[in-house]
Amino acid sequence: MLKQDPDSILVWSEKYKLDLVAFGVEKPFAVDRGLMVLQKLAEQKEFEGYKEPRMATEAELATLHTPEYMQILPLADTWKEIFELKSHEYFPERATRPLSHLYDDIRLQTGGTMEAVEIALKKGFSANLGGGFHHAYAEKGTGFCGIQDVGIAIRWAQARGLVKNVMTLDFDFHQGDGTAKVFEGDDTVYTVSVHSEEGWPETKQVSDLDVGVLSAEQDLYLDKCRFALDTALGGFKPDLIVYLAGSDPYEKCALPGSQLIKRPLAEMQKRDEMVIDRCAAEKIPMAMVFAGGYGDHVWEVHYLAVRHMLDKAGLLSRSDKALVTKGK
C-alpha cells in the first residue's frame, strides 16, 4: 500500500499515471514508471512514502513560456500537435477524458520538479518520479513535451534565492534541445546533453556541452557519459544538478526512434550510479527527473537509480543494500 509522507525525498502523485488510452491515444508509452518504482520499493521493503506535489501555477509557467504560447497551452489542438498524433493514433470517440486535460496533468508534474529541486537543496537528494520535459521551448512544445518543467523549476528556485548556479545533466536518448535553447546565453545555467547524434531531433540546439553518440560507437556510451560529467564539473561549479535520467537508451525501450542506442540494464545502472556517487562525493545537491522512456520495462532503469539514490541518502531499509544486475 503506497502512502504519502510529507518528509519524503520522492515526489509523485497518482495523477502522474498519464493514461493516454483515457485520452483516446494509442502510442507506445510506459505504464506509470513512478508507480512501478514505488511498488517495487514497497514490495522489497526498501522504502515507503512519497510526497504529493502541488500543481504549478500559470504565473509560474509564464516566467519562462511566452504569453502567446500560454494562451494556447490549455487547448486540445495544442496537445495533439505536441504529441504528434496521427489519425491512426488518436481516437477521440474512445476517450473518457478530453485531450485538454493533459495541461493540468503536466502542470502537476512541473510542480513535482519544483518540489524536487527544493527538497534537493534542503536534503541533498530528491527525485520527481516523472517530469523532464526537455523538448519544450519557451514558445512551443515538441516531442511529447508541452511544459519546460526543468527550466521553470530552476527559474523559480533562482528567483527565491535558493540557488544561483545550476547544471542540467541530460542523459536521455534525445538531445535536451528545449533546455539548451531556453538557457542559451545564461551563464548561471550550464546545460549538458549526451544523446544519439543520429536520432531525433534532426536539428540540434547548442548546449554548453553536447556529446553525441553514434550508433556504431554505442559501446562507448558509458565512457561518453563519464567524459561529459568530468568535463562539465571540471569547468563549472553548480549549487545544484538537475539530472534528466532518461531510460530510452535502455535496450528494452519500446520507442522505435530510440533503437540507435540499446544498452543493457547493468550499463544503465552504472551510468546512474556514477552521477549519484559523484554528486554525493562532491556534496552537490541533485534533483533527478525521469525524462524519456517508453514501454513496459523501462521502469527497471529508474528503480535501480532511485534505489541507489535512497542508499546514498541513508534511507534504504534493507541490510543487503548491494544490488548488481547481470550483464556488462
Protein backbone atom coordinates (compact mmCIF):
# COMPACT_ATOMS: atom_id res chain seq x y z
CA MET A 1 0.00 0.00 0.00
CA LEU A 2 1.55 3.29 -1.09
CA LYS A 3 1.38 6.11 1.40
CA GLN A 4 2.04 9.81 1.43
CA ASP A 5 4.88 11.20 3.52
CA PRO A 6 5.45 14.97 3.63
CA ASP A 7 9.11 14.38 4.53
CA SER A 8 9.86 12.01 1.63
CA ILE A 9 12.55 12.87 -0.91
CA LEU A 10 10.48 11.14 -3.60
CA VAL A 11 7.80 13.24 -5.30
CA TRP A 12 4.87 11.57 -7.04
CA SER A 13 1.11 11.65 -7.48
CA GLU A 14 -1.42 9.11 -8.63
CA LYS A 15 -2.33 11.69 -11.26
CA TYR A 16 1.09 11.15 -12.86
CA LYS A 17 -0.26 7.99 -14.49
CA LEU A 18 -0.93 9.87 -17.72
CA ASP A 19 -3.20 7.15 -19.06
CA LEU A 20 -3.16 8.05 -22.75
CA VAL A 21 -5.77 5.41 -23.50
CA ALA A 22 -8.21 7.53 -21.50
CA PHE A 23 -7.50 10.35 -23.95
CA GLY A 24 -8.13 8.08 -26.92
CA VAL A 25 -4.42 7.90 -27.74
CA GLU A 26 -2.52 4.81 -28.85
CA LYS A 27 1.24 5.32 -28.54
CA PRO A 28 3.96 3.12 -27.02
CA PHE A 29 4.22 4.96 -23.73
CA ALA A 30 5.23 3.30 -20.50
CA VAL A 31 2.98 2.34 -17.69
CA ASP A 32 3.45 4.87 -14.90
CA ARG A 33 7.15 4.46 -14.17
CA GLY A 34 6.87 6.24 -10.83
CA LEU A 35 4.15 3.89 -9.67
CA MET A 36 6.19 0.87 -10.70
CA VAL A 37 9.25 2.16 -8.83
CA LEU A 38 7.28 2.87 -5.66
CA GLN A 39 5.56 -0.51 -5.79
CA LYS A 40 8.88 -2.32 -6.23
CA LEU A 41 10.46 -0.43 -3.33
CA ALA A 42 7.50 -1.27 -1.12
CA GLU A 43 7.41 -4.90 -2.25
CA GLN A 44 11.10 -5.29 -1.38
CA LYS A 45 10.50 -3.47 1.94
CA GLU A 46 13.22 -0.99 0.93
CA PHE A 47 11.36 2.32 1.18
CA GLU A 48 7.84 3.62 1.54
CA GLY A 49 6.31 7.02 1.16
CA TYR A 50 6.11 9.80 -1.38
CA LYS A 51 5.37 13.49 -1.26
CA GLU A 52 2.36 14.76 -3.18
CA PRO A 53 3.28 17.81 -5.31
CA ARG A 54 1.23 20.90 -5.89
CA MET A 55 0.30 21.99 -9.38
CA ALA A 56 2.50 24.70 -10.89
CA THR A 57 0.54 27.91 -11.34
CA GLU A 58 0.04 29.64 -14.66
CA ALA A 59 2.05 32.58 -13.30
CA GLU A 60 4.97 30.23 -12.65
CA LEU A 61 4.72 28.79 -16.16
CA ALA A 62 4.69 32.34 -17.53
CA THR A 63 8.12 33.06 -16.02
CA LEU A 64 9.53 31.00 -18.90
CA HIS A 65 6.85 30.46 -21.54
CA THR A 66 5.76 33.24 -23.87
CA PRO A 67 2.34 34.92 -23.50
CA GLU A 68 1.32 33.64 -26.93
CA TYR A 69 2.13 30.04 -26.01
CA MET A 70 0.42 30.38 -22.63
CA GLN A 71 -2.80 31.27 -24.44
CA ILE A 72 -2.89 28.05 -26.46
CA LEU A 73 -1.47 25.63 -23.85
CA PRO A 74 -4.91 24.70 -22.47
CA LEU A 75 -6.25 23.79 -25.93
CA ALA A 76 -6.70 20.22 -27.14
CA ASP A 77 -5.25 21.01 -30.57
CA THR A 78 -2.03 22.18 -28.94
CA TRP A 79 -1.56 18.84 -27.20
CA LYS A 80 -2.47 16.94 -30.32
CA GLU A 81 0.41 18.69 -32.03
CA ILE A 82 2.80 18.25 -29.09
CA PHE A 83 2.15 14.50 -29.05
CA GLU A 84 2.38 14.37 -32.84
CA LEU A 85 -0.83 12.38 -33.03
CA LYS A 86 -1.60 10.80 -36.39
CA SER A 87 -5.08 9.66 -37.43
CA HIS A 88 -4.25 6.04 -36.62
CA GLU A 89 -3.07 7.00 -33.12
CA TYR A 90 -5.88 9.27 -31.92
CA PHE A 91 -9.47 8.14 -31.46
CA PRO A 92 -11.36 10.90 -29.64
CA GLU A 93 -14.57 8.89 -29.81
CA ARG A 94 -12.97 6.35 -27.41
CA ALA A 95 -11.76 8.99 -24.96
CA THR A 96 -13.07 9.25 -21.42
CA ARG A 97 -11.07 12.42 -20.77
CA PRO A 98 -10.65 15.42 -23.12
CA LEU A 99 -7.14 15.89 -24.51
CA SER A 100 -7.02 19.38 -22.99
CA HIS A 101 -6.78 17.80 -19.52
CA LEU A 102 -3.16 16.96 -20.33
CA TYR A 103 -2.43 20.59 -19.49
CA ASP A 104 -3.22 20.14 -15.79
CA ASP A 105 -1.56 16.71 -15.69
CA ILE A 106 1.72 18.15 -16.94
CA ARG A 107 1.40 21.23 -14.72
CA LEU A 108 1.25 18.82 -11.78
CA GLN A 109 4.44 17.08 -12.87
CA THR A 110 6.01 20.52 -13.29
CA GLY A 111 5.11 21.28 -9.69
CA GLY A 112 6.75 17.97 -8.82
CA THR A 113 10.02 19.06 -10.40
CA MET A 114 9.86 22.34 -8.50
CA GLU A 115 9.26 20.37 -5.30
CA ALA A 116 12.17 18.04 -6.06
CA VAL A 117 14.52 20.98 -6.59
CA GLU A 118 13.53 22.48 -3.24
CA ILE A 119 13.94 19.14 -1.44
CA ALA A 120 17.35 18.52 -3.00
CA LEU A 121 18.61 21.90 -1.85
CA LYS A 122 17.48 21.07 1.69
CA LYS A 123 18.35 17.38 1.91
CA GLY A 124 20.96 16.71 -0.77
CA PHE A 125 18.97 14.29 -2.94
CA SER A 126 15.50 14.09 -4.37
CA ALA A 127 13.61 12.64 -7.33
CA ASN A 128 10.48 13.65 -9.12
CA LEU A 129 9.15 10.30 -10.35
CA GLY A 130 8.13 11.90 -13.63
CA GLY A 131 8.89 15.20 -15.36
CA GLY A 132 11.89 16.01 -17.51
CA PHE A 133 10.06 17.56 -20.48
CA HIS A 134 13.25 18.74 -22.11
CA HIS A 135 11.90 19.27 -25.65
CA ALA A 136 9.62 22.14 -24.59
CA TYR A 137 10.71 25.60 -25.75
CA ALA A 138 9.61 28.96 -24.39
CA GLU A 139 7.27 29.45 -27.35
CA LYS A 140 6.23 25.88 -28.24
CA GLY A 141 6.02 22.27 -27.22
CA THR A 142 7.63 19.44 -29.19
CA GLY A 143 8.43 15.76 -28.83
CA PHE A 144 5.73 14.90 -26.26
CA CYS A 145 6.89 17.83 -24.09
CA GLY A 146 4.48 20.70 -23.55
CA ILE A 147 5.85 22.47 -20.46
CA GLN A 148 9.53 23.09 -19.73
CA ASP A 149 9.37 21.85 -16.14
CA VAL A 150 13.13 21.82 -15.54
CA GLY A 151 13.56 25.39 -16.74
CA ILE A 152 10.60 26.62 -14.71
CA ALA A 153 11.87 24.89 -11.56
CA ILE A 154 15.32 26.43 -11.98
CA ARG A 155 13.95 29.92 -12.59
CA TRP A 156 11.63 29.51 -9.60
CA ALA A 157 14.49 28.48 -7.30
CA GLN A 158 16.77 31.24 -8.55
CA ALA A 159 14.10 33.91 -8.13
CA ARG A 160 13.71 32.91 -4.48
CA GLY A 161 17.43 32.99 -3.80
CA LEU A 162 17.54 29.24 -3.13
CA VAL A 163 20.25 28.67 -5.72
CA LYS A 164 22.42 30.61 -8.13
CA ASN A 165 24.39 28.28 -10.44
CA VAL A 166 22.68 25.17 -11.79
CA MET A 167 23.76 22.35 -14.09
CA THR A 168 21.27 20.37 -16.16
CA LEU A 169 22.76 16.94 -16.82
CA ASP A 170 20.73 15.27 -19.56
CA PHE A 171 21.48 11.61 -20.37
CA ASP A 172 18.26 10.98 -22.28
CA PHE A 173 18.50 9.30 -25.71
CA HIS A 174 17.39 12.57 -27.33
CA GLN A 175 19.21 15.87 -27.07
CA GLY A 176 17.80 18.26 -24.49
CA ASP A 177 17.15 20.80 -27.22
CA GLY A 178 14.46 22.81 -25.46
CA THR A 179 16.52 23.10 -22.28
CA ALA A 180 19.58 24.18 -24.26
CA LYS A 181 17.58 26.87 -26.04
CA VAL A 182 15.81 28.38 -23.04
CA PHE A 183 19.12 28.76 -21.19
CA GLU A 184 21.11 29.91 -24.20
CA GLY A 185 23.44 32.75 -23.15
CA ASP A 186 22.67 32.29 -19.43
CA ASP A 187 25.93 31.95 -17.53
CA THR A 188 24.15 30.75 -14.37
CA VAL A 189 22.85 27.55 -16.00
CA TYR A 190 25.25 25.07 -17.61
CA THR A 191 23.48 22.64 -19.93
CA VAL A 192 24.92 19.19 -20.68
CA SER A 193 23.46 16.67 -23.12
CA VAL A 194 24.70 13.18 -24.01
CA HIS A 195 22.46 11.89 -26.76
CA SER A 196 22.11 9.99 -30.01
CA GLU A 197 23.86 12.00 -32.71
CA GLU A 198 21.71 10.44 -35.43
CA GLY A 199 18.41 10.44 -33.56
CA TRP A 200 15.61 12.97 -33.31
CA PRO A 201 15.61 15.97 -33.23
CA GLU A 202 17.22 16.28 -36.64
CA THR A 203 18.15 19.91 -35.92
CA LYS A 204 20.10 20.05 -32.68
CA GLN A 205 20.43 23.10 -30.47
CA VAL A 206 23.70 24.14 -28.82
CA SER A 207 24.12 23.10 -25.19
CA ASP A 208 27.08 24.30 -23.15
CA LEU A 209 28.36 20.75 -23.62
CA ASP A 210 27.00 18.37 -26.23
CA VAL A 211 28.32 14.82 -26.52
CA GLY A 212 26.82 12.92 -29.44
CA VAL A 213 26.79 9.14 -29.59
CA LEU A 214 26.79 7.37 -32.97
CA SER A 215 25.03 4.03 -33.22
CA ALA A 216 28.26 2.43 -34.45
CA GLU A 217 30.09 3.56 -31.31
CA GLN A 218 27.38 2.93 -28.72
CA ASP A 219 29.71 0.60 -26.83
CA LEU A 220 31.36 3.85 -25.73
CA TYR A 221 28.12 5.20 -24.26
CA LEU A 222 29.16 4.90 -20.63
CA ASP A 223 32.60 6.37 -21.37
CA LYS A 224 30.96 9.34 -23.09
CA CYS A 225 28.67 9.91 -20.11
CA ARG A 226 31.69 9.83 -17.82
CA PHE A 227 33.58 12.24 -20.09
CA ALA A 228 30.65 14.64 -20.09
CA LEU A 229 30.34 14.56 -16.31
CA ASP A 230 34.08 15.05 -15.76
CA THR A 231 34.34 17.83 -18.34
CA ALA A 232 31.29 19.72 -17.12
CA LEU A 233 32.24 19.62 -13.44
CA GLY A 234 35.82 20.46 -14.33
CA GLY A 235 34.74 23.86 -15.64
CA PHE A 236 31.54 24.73 -13.78
CA LYS A 237 30.75 24.52 -10.08
CA PRO A 238 27.00 24.15 -9.63
CA ASP A 239 24.99 24.69 -6.49
CA LEU A 240 22.54 22.13 -7.85
CA ILE A 241 22.41 19.45 -10.55
CA VAL A 242 19.12 18.58 -12.20
CA TYR A 243 19.68 15.10 -13.62
CA LEU A 244 17.47 14.00 -16.51
CA ALA A 245 17.87 10.25 -16.16
CA GLY A 246 16.22 9.17 -19.40
CA SER A 247 15.70 5.42 -19.73
CA ASP A 248 15.29 5.43 -23.51
CA PRO A 249 18.90 4.33 -24.22
CA TYR A 250 17.91 1.06 -22.47
CA GLU A 251 17.78 -1.91 -24.82
CA LYS A 252 14.18 -2.67 -23.82
CA CYS A 253 12.82 0.79 -24.64
CA ALA A 254 9.84 0.36 -26.97
CA LEU A 255 10.10 3.63 -28.88
CA PRO A 256 11.12 2.80 -32.47
CA GLY A 257 13.14 6.01 -32.80
CA SER A 258 15.38 5.13 -29.85
CA GLN A 259 16.75 1.90 -31.32
CA LEU A 260 20.01 3.56 -32.38
CA ILE A 261 21.28 3.15 -28.81
CA LYS A 262 20.43 -0.09 -27.00
CA ARG A 263 22.35 -0.50 -23.77
CA PRO A 264 21.93 -3.31 -21.21
CA LEU A 265 20.38 -2.70 -17.81
CA ALA A 266 23.69 -3.16 -15.98
CA GLU A 267 25.23 -0.34 -18.02
CA MET A 268 22.28 1.95 -17.37
CA GLN A 269 22.68 1.17 -13.69
CA LYS A 270 26.36 2.11 -13.80
CA ARG A 271 25.51 5.37 -15.59
CA ASP A 272 23.08 6.49 -12.93
CA GLU A 273 25.24 5.33 -10.04
CA MET A 274 28.16 7.28 -11.49
CA VAL A 275 26.13 10.50 -11.42
CA ILE A 276 24.67 9.90 -7.96
CA ASP A 277 28.03 8.92 -6.48
CA ARG A 278 29.74 11.97 -7.95
CA CYS A 279 27.11 14.29 -6.52
CA ALA A 280 27.46 12.62 -3.14
CA ALA A 281 31.27 12.82 -3.19
CA GLU A 282 31.31 16.50 -4.14
CA LYS A 283 28.30 17.34 -1.95
CA ILE A 284 26.31 18.77 -4.86
CA PRO A 285 22.54 18.64 -4.31
CA MET A 286 20.87 16.58 -7.03
CA ALA A 287 17.27 16.54 -8.19
CA MET A 288 16.52 13.66 -10.54
CA VAL A 289 13.68 13.59 -13.07
CA PHE A 290 12.73 10.69 -15.33
CA ALA A 291 12.60 12.28 -18.82
CA GLY A 292 12.14 9.78 -21.70
CA GLY A 293 11.47 6.06 -21.56
CA TYR A 294 8.79 4.02 -23.30
CA GLY A 295 7.21 0.60 -22.99
CA ASP A 296 6.66 -1.88 -20.18
CA HIS A 297 10.25 -2.40 -19.00
CA VAL A 298 11.99 0.97 -18.77
CA TRP A 299 10.86 1.48 -15.17
CA GLU A 300 13.58 -1.03 -14.23
CA VAL A 301 16.22 1.60 -15.00
CA HIS A 302 14.54 4.18 -12.79
CA TYR A 303 14.04 1.72 -9.95
CA LEU A 304 17.75 0.97 -9.77
CA ALA A 305 18.61 4.69 -9.92
CA VAL A 306 16.11 5.69 -7.23
CA ARG A 307 17.18 2.76 -5.08
CA HIS A 308 20.82 3.81 -5.26
CA MET A 309 19.92 7.43 -4.51
CA LEU A 310 18.00 6.31 -1.42
CA ASP A 311 21.02 4.27 -0.37
CA LYS A 312 23.34 7.27 -0.72
CA ALA A 313 20.87 9.36 1.24
CA GLY A 314 20.90 6.76 4.03
CA LEU A 315 17.23 5.95 3.55
CA LEU A 316 17.30 2.42 2.13
CA SER A 317 15.74 0.00 4.60
CA ARG A 318 17.26 -3.36 3.68
CA SER A 319 20.54 -4.51 5.16
CA ASP A 320 21.65 -6.25 1.95
CA LYS A 321 21.84 -2.98 0.08
CA ALA A 322 24.11 -4.00 -2.76
CA LEU A 323 22.19 -4.83 -5.91
CA VAL A 324 24.08 -5.60 -9.07
CA THR A 325 22.28 -6.56 -12.26
CA LYS A 326 23.53 -9.23 -14.60
CA GLY A 327 25.38 -8.21 -17.72
CA LYS A 328 28.28 -5.99 -18.54
